Amino acid sequence: MKKTLVAAGIIVALGVAWTGGAWYTGKMVESHLAEFVGQANAQLAQNSPESGLQLATQDYQRGIFSSHLRLIVKSADGAKSSWLKPGQNVVLDETVYHGPLPLKNFSLIPSMAVVNSTLVNNDLTRRLFELTKGKTPAEIATRIAYSGATNSDILFNPIAYENGDDKITFDGGKFELEADKDGNALALTGGADSGQLNVVNEFGQPVQFSFKNLKADGESKLTDFKERIGNQKLTLETLAVAVAGKELAVVDGMTIDGKADLSKDGKTIDSSLDYSLDSLKLQGNDMGSGKLALKINHIDGESWHQFSQQYNGQVQALLGQPEVMQDPALYQQKVTAAFFDALPLLLKGEPQVTVAPLSWKNAKGESTFNLDLALKDPSTAAAPPQTLAEEVDSGVKSLDGKLTIPMDMAIELMTQVARIEGYQQDDAHKLAEQQVKGLAAMGQMFRLTTVQDNSIQASLQYGAGQVTLNGQKMPLAQFVGLFGMPDILSPAPAVPQTSPAVPPLPLAPVQP
């Protein structure tokens, strides 16, 4: 009896402690709420200034074991432009389960709180709820540690939607997002099993897009110069497109793997992008596989930050210009101009670009392109360039490029292209052979390529105003002259009153 009373007393004491702890951590959550929202708004302003959005809280109600509030995403105060129209907002319903042992997602690891977030159905989000038949499209359960670090389980609910000829099915997806207390270090993992979209194109034909096994895995951190570095990997097992019930394209085994790391001095960034494709089929024809290995090293960190600020600032300014936003061609022109205006900032660290390789492979061989390009900071030039060679030398230290295309591989590729165009196998092969041999002959005629070991080959090196094309050295001006281009920076020569006509180079007729 005595032991029973003791045990009951211990249970009561633990219950009181848990209640008191929950009440205390509930107070802590309430006191830190403004801080959390302020940090989120600061990150929005820094990472997505063009969005013109901000967060706010509403209807906070604190209880002993849990609290409730609403998180509002709306247009930022004073924003010139925003992704949301005036009066529009996205609302998240938030239930906060207090620590030290939150009732939601119970764990023996003490936590300040677990926050369960669900999207609210309103005028802006109603279409999403139609896709999920009234269920919330996404649910997020976030565990907040006493250190301020967070771990979020993100669930995208399945979609089964049909409206006439339009149909969307999605098996749902799960992701996990981890962040430190300041949001500087982030990690995201997860994926989705499959999805399918059926629509009708402008010709009245049913079109189907589908994918299988999408996976994402990445982590990043914020540098001292306020830019993110880290590793990101995206894999997709299959992506398929069909038109009118016939297979148009199937992509298998696509992988994108990007990395960005700081150099030892912490001032420059070394980055790489590896892209691979295991198989591409067009209308059932095997087109082969491909890969790209790209590296860009010695990017000056501060210059990269200045580039980002200038470029993003100019793009954001375009959002407030209705005449630009209503004209897609003009908008793209302005965005391109903004990029090239800011581009010289990226050359301050004198980056190095390496492609090793860009390749495409089929059953008959593999074509490869390799490039090594070392750049210079044009602002360090002693005087403004007066010739094309001086202009190139002001931005390029050296260049070394090599191209190899096995003729059998090229013929096989062009045979598959001809089959897609409707030719039978024998005719397709003959046409492909003729096209590839004609291309090789034309390349040799213009001295752009050579043929060695049954491969079309080309090599180009440049440095200090000198070009070496397929082993032949020449000044840059002579190389440019091969293409009929003048040295645009040099003074134009006087034009004589009369000059003999120069006949064009004879070209062989194109055979049918």
Protein backbone atom coordinates (compact mmCIF):
# COMPACT_ATOMS: atom_id res chain seq x y z
CA MET A 1 0.00 0.00 0.00
CA LYS A 2 2.79 2.33 0.96
CA LYS A 3 4.65 1.61 -2.28
CA THR A 4 1.44 2.28 -4.25
CA LEU A 5 1.03 5.67 -2.56
CA VAL A 6 4.65 6.50 -3.28
CA ALA A 7 4.26 5.54 -6.94
CA ALA A 8 1.06 7.59 -7.19
CA GLY A 9 2.84 10.53 -5.60
CA ILE A 10 5.67 10.28 -8.11
CA ILE A 11 3.20 10.21 -11.00
CA VAL A 12 1.36 13.25 -9.63
CA ALA A 13 4.67 15.07 -9.17
CA LEU A 14 5.70 14.27 -12.73
CA GLY A 15 2.31 15.47 -13.98
CA VAL A 16 2.68 18.74 -12.12
CA ALA A 17 6.22 19.16 -13.44
CA TRP A 18 5.10 18.44 -16.99
CA THR A 19 2.19 20.88 -16.69
CA GLY A 20 4.46 23.53 -15.21
CA GLY A 21 7.11 22.91 -17.87
CA ALA A 22 4.51 23.10 -20.63
CA TRP A 23 3.15 26.36 -19.23
CA TYR A 24 6.66 27.80 -18.95
CA THR A 25 7.74 26.80 -22.46
CA GLY A 26 4.41 28.09 -23.76
CA LYS A 27 5.36 31.47 -22.31
CA MET A 28 8.79 31.16 -23.96
CA VAL A 29 7.21 30.44 -27.35
CA GLU A 30 4.96 33.47 -26.96
CA SER A 31 7.88 35.71 -26.04
CA HIS A 32 9.96 34.46 -28.99
CA LEU A 33 7.14 34.67 -31.55
CA ALA A 34 7.94 38.20 -32.66
CA GLU A 35 11.61 37.22 -32.96
CA PHE A 36 10.76 34.22 -35.19
CA VAL A 37 8.57 36.35 -37.46
CA GLY A 38 11.20 39.10 -37.61
CA GLN A 39 13.89 36.62 -38.67
CA ALA A 40 11.61 35.15 -41.34
CA ASN A 41 10.86 38.62 -42.74
CA ALA A 42 14.54 39.50 -42.77
CA GLN A 43 15.30 36.34 -44.75
CA LEU A 44 12.47 37.09 -47.18
CA ALA A 45 13.79 40.60 -47.75
CA GLN A 46 17.33 39.30 -48.28
CA ASN A 47 16.73 36.14 -50.33
CA SER A 48 13.56 37.09 -52.25
CA PRO A 49 13.29 40.88 -52.37
CA GLU A 50 11.35 40.65 -55.64
CA SER A 51 8.53 38.77 -53.88
CA GLY A 52 7.41 41.86 -51.94
CA LEU A 53 6.04 39.64 -49.15
CA GLN A 54 6.06 39.67 -45.37
CA LEU A 55 4.73 37.53 -42.51
CA ALA A 56 2.42 38.55 -39.68
CA THR A 57 0.59 36.73 -36.86
CA GLN A 58 -3.06 36.87 -35.91
CA ASP A 59 -5.44 35.52 -33.24
CA TYR A 60 -2.82 34.18 -30.81
CA GLN A 61 -4.42 32.09 -28.02
CA ARG A 62 -2.15 30.50 -25.39
CA GLY A 63 -3.12 27.41 -23.39
CA ILE A 64 -1.24 25.23 -20.93
CA PHE A 65 -0.28 22.38 -23.25
CA SER A 66 -0.81 24.05 -26.60
CA SER A 67 -1.46 27.41 -28.20
CA HIS A 68 -3.09 28.49 -31.43
CA LEU A 69 -2.48 31.28 -33.94
CA ARG A 70 -2.63 32.11 -37.61
CA LEU A 71 0.38 33.03 -39.74
CA ILE A 72 -0.44 35.46 -42.55
CA VAL A 73 1.62 35.84 -45.73
CA LYS A 74 0.76 39.16 -47.36
CA SER A 75 2.18 42.02 -49.40
CA ALA A 76 4.98 43.81 -47.56
CA ASP A 77 4.25 47.27 -46.25
CA GLY A 78 5.42 49.84 -48.78
CA ALA A 79 6.34 47.26 -51.43
CA LYS A 80 6.31 48.68 -54.98
CA SER A 81 5.40 45.27 -56.36
CA SER A 82 4.40 41.95 -54.87
CA TRP A 83 3.60 38.38 -55.85
CA LEU A 84 0.24 38.90 -54.12
CA LYS A 85 -2.35 41.45 -55.15
CA PRO A 86 -3.70 43.93 -52.58
CA GLY A 87 -6.07 42.11 -50.25
CA GLN A 88 -4.75 38.66 -51.15
CA ASN A 89 -3.04 36.56 -48.51
CA VAL A 90 -1.98 33.03 -47.70
CA VAL A 91 -3.05 31.84 -44.25
CA LEU A 92 -1.45 29.04 -42.24
CA ASP A 93 -3.30 27.61 -39.26
CA GLU A 94 -0.73 26.99 -36.51
CA THR A 95 -1.14 24.78 -33.45
CA VAL A 96 1.83 25.04 -31.07
CA TYR A 97 2.31 22.06 -28.72
CA HIS A 98 4.40 23.17 -25.74
CA GLY A 99 7.52 21.41 -24.47
CA PRO A 100 9.43 20.05 -22.77
CA LEU A 101 7.73 16.89 -24.16
CA PRO A 102 5.23 18.13 -26.75
CA LEU A 103 2.12 15.98 -27.19
CA LYS A 104 2.34 16.25 -30.97
CA ASN A 105 5.05 13.99 -32.49
CA PHE A 106 5.96 12.80 -28.98
CA SER A 107 9.67 12.29 -28.44
CA LEU A 108 11.83 11.74 -25.37
CA ILE A 109 14.11 14.48 -26.66
CA PRO A 110 13.12 17.72 -24.85
CA SER A 111 11.95 20.48 -27.19
CA MET A 112 10.57 23.95 -26.76
CA ALA A 113 7.59 23.15 -28.99
CA VAL A 114 6.18 21.29 -31.96
CA VAL A 115 4.26 23.45 -34.42
CA ASN A 116 1.67 21.85 -36.68
CA SER A 117 0.96 24.02 -39.76
CA THR A 118 -1.84 23.56 -42.28
CA LEU A 119 -2.90 25.71 -45.21
CA VAL A 120 -6.24 27.50 -44.83
CA ASN A 121 -8.82 27.41 -47.61
CA ASN A 122 -9.55 30.95 -48.84
CA ASP A 123 -10.21 32.76 -52.14
CA LEU A 124 -6.55 32.54 -53.13
CA THR A 125 -5.96 28.87 -52.23
CA ARG A 126 -9.39 27.43 -53.07
CA ARG A 127 -8.14 25.90 -56.34
CA LEU A 128 -5.51 23.92 -54.44
CA PHE A 129 -8.15 22.47 -52.14
CA GLU A 130 -10.16 21.44 -55.20
CA LEU A 131 -7.15 19.41 -56.36
CA THR A 132 -7.01 17.54 -53.06
CA LYS A 133 -10.80 17.17 -52.71
CA GLY A 134 -11.07 19.50 -49.73
CA LYS A 135 -8.03 18.27 -47.80
CA THR A 136 -5.23 20.68 -46.99
CA PRO A 137 -2.61 20.37 -49.79
CA ALA A 138 0.32 20.46 -47.36
CA GLU A 139 0.98 19.79 -43.68
CA ILE A 140 4.12 20.77 -41.80
CA ALA A 141 5.18 19.55 -38.36
CA THR A 142 8.12 21.56 -37.00
CA ARG A 143 10.05 20.66 -33.87
CA ILE A 144 11.71 23.69 -32.26
CA ALA A 145 14.69 22.95 -30.03
CA TYR A 146 15.55 25.09 -27.03
CA SER A 147 18.59 26.25 -29.02
CA GLY A 148 16.23 27.68 -31.66
CA ALA A 149 17.12 25.08 -34.31
CA THR A 150 14.18 23.55 -36.18
CA ASN A 151 13.36 20.25 -37.87
CA SER A 152 10.31 20.21 -40.17
CA ASP A 153 8.48 17.23 -41.66
CA ILE A 154 6.68 18.45 -44.78
CA LEU A 155 3.88 16.32 -46.22
CA PHE A 156 2.27 17.03 -49.60
CA ASN A 157 -1.05 15.20 -49.76
CA PRO A 158 -2.07 13.15 -52.81
CA ILE A 159 -3.95 14.83 -55.65
CA ALA A 160 -6.72 13.27 -57.71
CA TYR A 161 -8.37 15.94 -59.84
CA GLU A 162 -10.35 15.71 -63.06
CA ASN A 163 -12.15 18.42 -65.01
CA GLY A 164 -13.18 17.47 -68.53
CA ASP A 165 -10.05 16.48 -70.43
CA ASP A 166 -7.75 17.88 -67.74
CA LYS A 167 -6.55 15.40 -65.15
CA ILE A 168 -3.94 15.57 -62.40
CA THR A 169 -2.81 12.67 -60.22
CA PHE A 170 -0.04 12.89 -57.65
CA ASP A 171 0.91 10.29 -55.06
CA GLY A 172 2.10 12.92 -52.62
CA GLY A 173 5.55 13.61 -51.27
CA LYS A 174 7.50 13.85 -48.05
CA PHE A 175 10.40 16.18 -47.28
CA GLU A 176 12.45 17.01 -44.20
CA LEU A 177 13.92 20.46 -43.65
CA GLU A 178 16.47 21.23 -40.95
CA ALA A 179 17.64 24.73 -40.02
CA ASP A 180 19.87 26.23 -37.36
CA LYS A 181 18.54 28.94 -35.05
CA ASP A 182 19.45 31.77 -37.44
CA GLY A 183 18.40 30.00 -40.62
CA ASN A 184 21.97 30.18 -41.91
CA ALA A 185 22.48 26.41 -42.25
CA LEU A 186 19.76 24.48 -44.09
CA ALA A 187 19.35 20.85 -45.14
CA LEU A 188 16.55 19.39 -47.28
CA THR A 189 15.88 15.74 -48.12
CA GLY A 190 12.87 13.90 -49.48
CA GLY A 191 10.99 13.10 -52.64
CA ALA A 192 7.82 12.08 -54.44
CA ASP A 193 7.00 8.69 -55.93
CA SER A 194 5.00 9.60 -59.03
CA GLY A 195 2.72 12.07 -60.72
CA GLN A 196 0.80 12.55 -63.95
CA LEU A 197 -0.71 15.51 -65.81
CA ASN A 198 -3.17 15.17 -68.70
CA VAL A 199 -4.08 18.23 -70.81
CA VAL A 200 -5.20 19.04 -74.34
CA ASN A 201 -2.86 21.01 -76.62
CA GLU A 202 -3.77 23.72 -79.11
CA PHE A 203 -4.38 21.07 -81.80
CA GLY A 204 -6.97 19.28 -79.68
CA GLN A 205 -4.64 16.36 -78.95
CA PRO A 206 -4.43 14.81 -75.47
CA VAL A 207 -0.97 15.28 -73.94
CA GLN A 208 0.29 13.33 -70.94
CA PHE A 209 3.27 14.22 -68.73
CA SER A 210 4.38 11.74 -66.06
CA PHE A 211 7.30 11.22 -63.70
CA LYS A 212 8.55 8.54 -61.31
CA ASN A 213 10.78 8.69 -58.22
CA LEU A 214 11.82 12.30 -57.77
CA LYS A 215 14.37 12.69 -54.96
CA ALA A 216 16.12 15.75 -53.54
CA ASP A 217 19.02 15.93 -51.12
CA GLY A 218 20.89 19.10 -50.25
CA GLU A 219 22.45 21.30 -47.63
CA SER A 220 23.62 24.88 -47.65
CA LYS A 221 25.00 27.57 -45.38
CA LEU A 222 25.28 31.32 -45.49
CA THR A 223 28.75 32.79 -45.98
CA ASP A 224 30.18 35.95 -44.47
CA PHE A 225 29.40 37.74 -47.74
CA LYS A 226 25.71 36.71 -47.43
CA GLU A 227 25.59 34.16 -50.24
CA ARG A 228 24.74 30.46 -49.93
CA ILE A 229 27.11 27.59 -50.65
CA GLY A 230 26.63 23.87 -50.25
CA ASN A 231 25.60 20.71 -52.08
CA GLN A 232 22.36 19.95 -53.90
CA LYS A 233 21.43 16.74 -55.68
CA LEU A 234 18.28 16.03 -57.66
CA THR A 235 17.48 12.66 -59.24
CA LEU A 236 14.57 11.59 -61.40
CA GLU A 237 14.05 7.98 -62.45
CA THR A 238 11.72 8.62 -65.39
CA LEU A 239 10.12 11.58 -67.16
CA ALA A 240 7.76 10.76 -70.05
CA VAL A 241 5.69 12.74 -72.54
CA ALA A 242 2.98 11.20 -74.75
CA VAL A 243 0.77 12.84 -77.38
CA ALA A 244 -2.49 11.30 -78.61
CA GLY A 245 -1.61 8.06 -76.85
CA LYS A 246 1.78 7.76 -78.58
CA GLU A 247 5.08 8.02 -76.74
CA LEU A 248 6.87 11.22 -77.71
CA ALA A 249 9.85 11.30 -75.33
CA VAL A 250 11.15 9.28 -72.38
CA VAL A 251 14.02 10.42 -70.18
CA ASP A 252 15.53 7.84 -67.83
CA GLY A 253 18.03 8.29 -65.03
CA MET A 254 18.42 12.08 -64.85
CA THR A 255 20.78 13.39 -62.17
CA ILE A 256 21.78 16.96 -61.35
CA ASP A 257 24.51 17.32 -58.72
CA GLY A 258 25.69 20.82 -57.80
CA LYS A 259 28.35 21.83 -55.29
CA ALA A 260 29.76 25.15 -54.10
CA ASP A 261 32.54 25.40 -51.51
CA LEU A 262 34.71 28.12 -50.08
CA SER A 263 38.40 28.11 -50.87
CA LYS A 264 40.91 27.82 -48.03
CA ASP A 265 41.18 31.60 -47.66
CA GLY A 266 37.38 31.88 -47.34
CA LYS A 267 37.23 34.61 -49.99
CA THR A 268 36.46 32.76 -53.21
CA ILE A 269 33.98 30.08 -54.26
CA ASP A 270 34.73 26.89 -56.17
CA SER A 271 31.62 25.42 -57.79
CA SER A 272 30.75 22.42 -59.92
CA LEU A 273 27.71 21.06 -61.74
CA ASP A 274 27.47 17.42 -62.85
CA TYR A 275 24.55 16.55 -65.08
CA SER A 276 23.88 13.07 -66.45
CA LEU A 277 21.19 11.39 -68.48
CA ASP A 278 21.15 7.60 -68.72
CA SER A 279 18.82 7.38 -71.70
CA LEU A 280 16.79 9.55 -74.07
CA LYS A 281 14.20 8.01 -76.37
CA LEU A 282 12.23 10.01 -78.92
CA GLN A 283 9.22 8.24 -80.44
CA GLY A 284 10.75 4.93 -79.40
CA ASN A 285 14.12 5.67 -81.02
CA ASP A 286 17.16 5.36 -78.76
CA MET A 287 19.00 8.70 -78.99
CA GLY A 288 21.70 7.77 -76.46
CA SER A 289 22.92 9.17 -73.16
CA GLY A 290 24.72 12.33 -72.11
CA LYS A 291 26.64 14.04 -69.37
CA LEU A 292 28.09 17.40 -68.48
CA ALA A 293 30.80 18.12 -65.93
CA LEU A 294 31.18 21.87 -65.40
CA LYS A 295 33.45 23.64 -62.91
CA ILE A 296 33.73 27.36 -62.20
CA ASN A 297 36.46 28.14 -59.68
CA HIS A 298 37.89 31.29 -58.07
CA ILE A 299 34.65 33.28 -58.00
CA ASP A 300 35.27 36.24 -55.72
CA GLY A 301 32.70 36.05 -52.89
CA GLU A 302 32.19 39.77 -52.35
CA SER A 303 31.92 40.34 -56.09
CA TRP A 304 29.37 37.55 -56.35
CA HIS A 305 27.31 39.24 -53.65
CA GLN A 306 27.55 42.59 -55.45
CA PHE A 307 26.55 40.88 -58.71
CA SER A 308 23.51 39.30 -57.01
CA GLN A 309 22.42 42.58 -55.46
CA GLN A 310 22.80 44.58 -58.66
CA TYR A 311 21.15 41.99 -60.89
CA ASN A 312 18.28 41.22 -58.49
CA GLY A 313 17.77 44.93 -57.86
CA GLN A 314 17.39 45.67 -61.55
CA VAL A 315 15.04 42.71 -62.04
CA GLN A 316 12.96 43.81 -59.04
CA ALA A 317 12.70 47.30 -60.52
CA LEU A 318 11.21 45.78 -63.68
CA LEU A 319 8.34 44.34 -61.64
CA GLY A 320 7.12 47.88 -61.01
CA GLN A 321 7.00 48.71 -64.73
CA PRO A 322 3.65 47.50 -66.18
CA GLU A 323 4.71 48.28 -69.75
CA VAL A 324 7.62 45.85 -69.35
CA MET A 325 5.75 43.13 -67.47
CA GLN A 326 3.01 43.04 -70.13
CA ASP A 327 5.54 42.44 -72.93
CA PRO A 328 7.40 39.09 -72.45
CA ALA A 329 9.94 39.87 -75.18
CA LEU A 330 10.77 43.28 -73.70
CA TYR A 331 10.98 41.79 -70.20
CA GLN A 332 13.45 39.11 -71.38
CA GLN A 333 15.49 41.78 -73.18
CA LYS A 334 15.68 43.89 -70.00
CA VAL A 335 16.61 40.88 -67.83
CA THR A 336 19.38 39.89 -70.27
CA ALA A 337 20.72 43.45 -70.31
CA ALA A 338 20.71 43.51 -66.48
CA PHE A 339 22.74 40.29 -66.42
CA PHE A 340 25.41 41.59 -68.79
CA ASP A 341 25.54 44.94 -66.99
CA ALA A 342 26.45 43.12 -63.77
CA LEU A 343 28.64 40.44 -65.39
CA PRO A 344 31.98 42.36 -65.10
CA LEU A 345 31.65 42.07 -61.31
CA LEU A 346 32.04 38.29 -61.59
CA LEU A 347 35.40 38.66 -63.35
CA LYS A 348 37.10 40.36 -60.38
CA GLY A 349 38.23 37.04 -58.95
CA GLU A 350 39.54 35.98 -62.39
CA PRO A 351 37.50 32.73 -62.43
CA GLN A 352 38.39 29.57 -64.30
CA VAL A 353 35.79 27.64 -66.31
CA THR A 354 36.28 23.96 -67.09
CA VAL A 355 34.06 21.65 -69.13
CA ALA A 356 35.40 18.11 -68.84
CA PRO A 357 33.46 16.82 -70.63
CA LEU A 358 30.23 17.66 -72.37
CA SER A 359 29.45 14.37 -74.09
CA TRP A 360 26.80 12.38 -75.91
CA LYS A 361 27.05 8.62 -76.33
CA ASN A 362 25.22 5.95 -78.32
CA ALA A 363 25.89 2.38 -79.42
CA LYS A 364 28.46 3.51 -82.03
CA GLY A 365 30.65 5.80 -79.92
CA GLU A 366 30.87 8.95 -77.82
CA SER A 367 31.30 12.57 -78.86
CA THR A 368 33.09 14.84 -76.41
CA PHE A 369 33.79 18.52 -75.95
CA ASN A 370 36.37 19.76 -73.42
CA LEU A 371 37.15 23.35 -72.50
CA ASP A 372 39.55 25.15 -70.18
CA LEU A 373 38.98 28.90 -69.96
CA ALA A 374 40.91 31.24 -67.65
CA LEU A 375 39.43 34.73 -67.36
CA LYS A 376 40.89 38.08 -66.28
CA ASP A 377 39.51 41.17 -64.58
CA PRO A 378 39.04 43.75 -67.39
CA SER A 379 39.23 46.60 -64.87
CA THR A 380 42.95 45.89 -64.35
CA ALA A 381 43.82 46.73 -67.99
CA ALA A 382 46.39 49.54 -68.24
CA ALA A 383 44.51 51.33 -71.04
CA PRO A 384 41.25 50.99 -72.97
CA PRO A 385 41.53 48.34 -75.72
CA GLN A 386 42.14 49.63 -79.23
CA THR A 387 41.97 46.36 -81.17
CA LEU A 388 39.92 43.21 -80.98
CA ALA A 389 42.96 41.30 -79.68
CA GLU A 390 43.41 43.83 -76.87
CA GLU A 391 39.69 43.61 -76.06
CA VAL A 392 39.83 39.80 -75.81
CA ASP A 393 43.11 39.88 -73.87
CA SER A 394 41.59 42.24 -71.31
CA GLY A 395 39.16 39.49 -70.26
CA VAL A 396 40.77 36.20 -71.30
CA LYS A 397 44.04 34.74 -70.03
CA SER A 398 43.88 31.52 -71.99
CA LEU A 399 41.51 29.16 -73.75
CA ASP A 400 41.91 25.52 -74.71
CA GLY A 401 39.03 23.68 -76.38
CA LYS A 402 38.83 20.25 -78.05
CA LEU A 403 35.97 18.58 -79.92
CA THR A 404 35.82 14.95 -81.06
CA ILE A 405 32.89 13.45 -82.96
CA PRO A 406 33.26 9.81 -84.12
CA MET A 407 31.67 9.63 -87.55
CA ASP A 408 30.01 6.29 -86.84
CA MET A 409 28.45 7.78 -83.72
CA ALA A 410 27.23 10.83 -85.64
CA ILE A 411 25.78 8.67 -88.42
CA GLU A 412 23.91 6.56 -85.86
CA LEU A 413 22.50 9.69 -84.21
CA MET A 414 21.38 11.24 -87.49
CA THR A 415 19.90 7.90 -88.55
CA GLN A 416 17.62 8.01 -85.51
CA VAL A 417 16.70 11.62 -86.35
CA ALA A 418 15.79 10.59 -89.91
CA ARG A 419 13.67 7.71 -88.58
CA ILE A 420 11.75 10.20 -86.45
CA GLU A 421 11.14 12.22 -89.62
CA GLY A 422 9.56 9.16 -91.26
CA TYR A 423 12.40 7.53 -93.21
CA GLN A 424 12.78 3.75 -93.23
CA GLN A 425 15.93 2.30 -91.65
CA ASP A 426 17.97 1.83 -94.87
CA ASP A 427 17.03 5.22 -96.30
CA ALA A 428 17.59 6.87 -92.93
CA HIS A 429 21.10 5.41 -92.69
CA LYS A 430 22.01 6.50 -96.23
CA LEU A 431 20.75 10.04 -95.60
CA ALA A 432 22.59 10.23 -92.27
CA GLU A 433 25.84 9.03 -93.82
CA GLN A 434 25.55 11.64 -96.55
CA GLN A 435 24.83 14.42 -94.05
CA VAL A 436 27.73 13.57 -91.75
CA LYS A 437 30.24 13.20 -94.58
CA GLY A 438 29.03 16.49 -96.04
CA LEU A 439 29.45 18.18 -92.67
CA ALA A 440 32.97 16.80 -92.34
CA ALA A 441 33.88 18.02 -95.83
CA MET A 442 32.49 21.50 -95.17
CA GLY A 443 34.40 21.72 -91.88
CA GLN A 444 37.63 20.83 -93.67
CA MET A 445 36.92 23.30 -96.48
CA PHE A 446 36.61 26.16 -93.98
CA ARG A 447 39.58 24.78 -91.96
CA LEU A 448 37.41 24.55 -88.85
CA THR A 449 37.71 20.79 -88.41
CA THR A 450 39.87 17.88 -89.45
CA VAL A 451 39.15 14.18 -89.93
CA GLN A 452 41.43 11.79 -88.08
CA ASP A 453 40.88 8.17 -87.07
CA ASN A 454 37.39 8.30 -88.60
CA SER A 455 36.47 11.19 -86.27
CA ILE A 456 35.63 14.82 -86.91
CA GLN A 457 38.03 16.75 -84.68
CA ALA A 458 38.70 20.37 -83.81
CA SER A 459 41.05 22.10 -81.39
CA LEU A 460 41.34 25.76 -80.50
CA GLN A 461 43.83 27.46 -78.21
CA TYR A 462 44.16 31.15 -77.43
CA GLY A 463 46.52 33.29 -75.41
CA ALA A 464 48.19 36.70 -75.67
CA GLY A 465 46.51 37.58 -78.96
CA GLN A 466 47.52 34.34 -80.69
CA VAL A 467 45.15 31.62 -81.88
CA THR A 468 46.07 28.02 -82.68
CA LEU A 469 43.35 26.38 -84.75
CA ASN A 470 43.88 22.68 -85.43
CA GLY A 471 47.65 23.13 -85.05
CA GLN A 472 47.91 26.28 -87.20
CA LYS A 473 49.04 29.44 -85.39
CA MET A 474 47.73 32.87 -86.38
CA PRO A 475 46.97 36.29 -84.87
CA LEU A 476 43.46 36.78 -83.52
CA ALA A 477 42.62 39.27 -86.31
CA GLN A 478 43.46 36.63 -88.95
CA PHE A 479 41.33 34.05 -87.14
CA VAL A 480 38.38 36.44 -87.04
CA GLY A 481 38.92 37.18 -90.72
CA LEU A 482 38.24 33.51 -91.52
CA PHE A 483 34.59 34.25 -90.79
CA GLY A 484 34.47 37.54 -92.70
CA MET A 485 34.27 39.61 -89.50
CA PRO A 486 36.18 42.91 -89.30
CA ASP A 487 38.23 44.02 -86.29
CA ILE A 488 35.48 46.28 -85.02
CA LEU A 489 37.75 48.17 -82.64
CA SER A 490 40.38 49.09 -85.24
CA PRO A 491 39.97 52.18 -87.45
CA ALA A 492 38.13 51.35 -90.64
CA PRO A 493 40.37 51.44 -93.74
CA ALA A 494 39.64 53.92 -96.48
CA VAL A 495 37.27 52.52 -99.09
CA PRO A 496 38.61 52.81 -102.67
CA GLN A 497 36.43 54.31 -105.39
CA THR A 498 36.29 51.01 -107.25
CA SER A 499 37.16 47.54 -106.18
CA PRO A 500 36.95 44.25 -107.97
CA ALA A 501 34.08 42.01 -107.04
CA VAL A 502 35.02 38.97 -105.02
CA PRO A 503 33.13 35.90 -106.14
CA PRO A 504 31.63 33.76 -103.40
CA LEU A 505 33.12 30.37 -102.56
CA PRO A 506 31.52 27.63 -104.66
CA LEU A 507 29.39 25.31 -102.56
CA ALA A 508 28.38 21.81 -103.53
CA PRO A 509 24.65 21.44 -104.15
CA VAL A 510 22.66 19.76 -101.41
CA GLN A 511 21.77 16.24 -102.45
CA PRO A 512 18.20 15.10 -101.86
